[in-house]
Structure formats: structure tokens, C-alpha cells
Amino acid sequence: MDVPTQPSPLPLCVIACVISIAKFVIQLGIAIYKLISALVNAFKQWKTFKNIVKAFISGETRKKLGTETETILKVILGIEDVLKKCV
């Protein structure tokens, strides 16, 4: 008579891998959400790219959206270096 065997439990390395992938996906999702919401908020507030740049120069973006959002916007709009060197 055969004794039924139970499936072996998942090795710890597989569980650790799955947890690591889940953390990465969550962090990436949060980062993408921050990027999108930063752009949406900036365009709601100032309507045009030109007005957003003016808001950077005057410091209005930091006051209204916060330092983190301001930094995110500078990077994704590609104006961080320009503002550093020209303003």
C-alpha cells in the first residue's frame, strides 16, 4: 500500500524571491504614481509648460507642490540642468 506523500514546502529562497519581487513592484508602482500625479498637479495648477518653468524660477512650485514634487518634475520635464546653469 502506497503512503500518500505531501508536497514539499517551498524552499525559503523561493519565498524570499517572491517577497523581493513584490516589494520591487510596489515601489515601482508608487514611483510611477508619484510621477503621474506630479505632472497632473503641475498642469492643473499652471496649465502650460512655459508657466511651469516660470513657477520653478519663482519658487512657486516648491511652495505649492512641495520639494519632492518639484524635484520629480524637474527631472521628468528635463529642465533640472537648465535651471541649475541658467537661472
Protein backbone atom coordinates (compact mmCIF):
# COMPACT_ATOMS: atom_id res chain seq x y z
CA MET A 1 0.00 0.00 0.00
CA ASP A 2 1.40 3.39 -1.05
CA VAL A 3 1.59 6.10 1.55
CA PRO A 4 0.50 9.44 0.10
CA THR A 5 3.24 12.00 0.28
CA GLN A 6 2.62 15.63 0.92
CA PRO A 7 4.14 18.15 -1.43
CA SER A 8 7.34 19.58 -0.04
CA PRO A 9 7.08 23.12 1.29
CA LEU A 10 8.51 25.89 -0.84
CA PRO A 11 12.16 26.50 -0.16
CA LEU A 12 12.91 29.68 1.75
CA CYS A 13 14.86 31.11 -1.18
CA VAL A 14 11.76 30.94 -3.39
CA ILE A 15 9.65 32.68 -0.75
CA ALA A 16 12.34 35.35 -0.29
CA CYS A 17 12.48 35.84 -4.05
CA VAL A 18 8.70 36.28 -4.32
CA ILE A 19 8.71 38.79 -1.46
CA SER A 20 11.58 40.70 -3.06
CA ILE A 21 9.76 40.88 -6.41
CA ALA A 22 6.56 42.03 -4.68
CA LYS A 23 8.44 44.83 -2.88
CA PHE A 24 10.01 45.93 -6.15
CA VAL A 25 6.66 46.03 -7.94
CA ILE A 26 5.08 48.01 -5.10
CA GLN A 27 7.97 50.51 -5.03
CA LEU A 28 7.87 50.90 -8.79
CA GLY A 29 4.11 51.40 -8.70
CA ILE A 30 4.44 54.10 -6.06
CA ALA A 31 7.16 55.83 -8.08
CA ILE A 32 5.07 55.79 -11.24
CA TYR A 33 2.07 57.10 -9.31
CA LYS A 34 4.19 59.95 -7.92
CA LEU A 35 5.43 60.84 -11.40
CA ILE A 36 1.96 60.90 -12.90
CA SER A 37 0.39 62.80 -10.03
CA ALA A 38 3.23 65.36 -10.06
CA LEU A 39 2.66 66.05 -13.76
CA VAL A 40 -1.11 66.19 -13.39
CA ASN A 41 -0.90 68.56 -10.43
CA ALA A 42 1.57 70.85 -12.19
CA PHE A 43 -0.51 71.10 -15.35
CA LYS A 44 -3.70 71.63 -13.35
CA GLN A 45 -2.01 74.42 -11.44
CA TRP A 46 -0.14 76.22 -14.26
CA LYS A 47 -1.76 74.89 -17.49
CA THR A 48 1.32 75.14 -19.77
CA PHE A 49 4.95 74.04 -19.79
CA LYS A 50 6.04 77.66 -20.01
CA ASN A 51 4.08 78.57 -16.89
CA ILE A 52 5.51 75.57 -15.03
CA VAL A 53 9.05 76.75 -15.85
CA LYS A 54 8.17 80.24 -14.61
CA ALA A 55 6.85 78.68 -11.40
CA PHE A 56 10.17 76.85 -10.94
CA ILE A 57 12.12 80.05 -11.39
CA SER A 58 9.95 81.99 -8.94
CA GLY A 59 9.95 79.17 -6.36
CA GLU A 60 6.20 78.79 -6.58
CA THR A 61 6.35 75.04 -7.32
CA ARG A 62 8.13 74.34 -4.05
CA LYS A 63 5.60 76.39 -2.10
CA LYS A 64 2.53 74.85 -3.72
CA LEU A 65 3.60 71.27 -4.51
CA GLY A 66 6.49 70.61 -2.13
CA THR A 67 10.18 69.95 -2.56
CA GLU A 68 9.86 66.28 -3.55
CA THR A 69 7.30 67.01 -6.26
CA GLU A 70 9.37 69.92 -7.53
CA THR A 71 12.41 67.65 -7.87
CA ILE A 72 10.40 64.96 -9.64
CA LEU A 73 9.00 67.49 -12.10
CA LYS A 74 12.43 68.95 -12.87
CA VAL A 75 13.74 65.51 -13.73
CA ILE A 76 10.83 64.30 -15.86
CA LEU A 77 10.44 67.59 -17.68
CA GLY A 78 14.18 67.60 -18.36
CA ILE A 79 14.79 71.10 -17.08
CA GLU A 80 16.83 70.41 -13.95
CA ASP A 81 20.21 71.07 -15.59
CA VAL A 82 18.92 74.10 -17.46
CA LEU A 83 17.61 75.67 -14.27
CA LYS A 84 20.88 74.95 -12.45
CA LYS A 85 23.02 76.52 -15.14
CA CYS A 86 20.85 79.33 -16.44
CA VAL A 87 18.87 80.68 -13.51
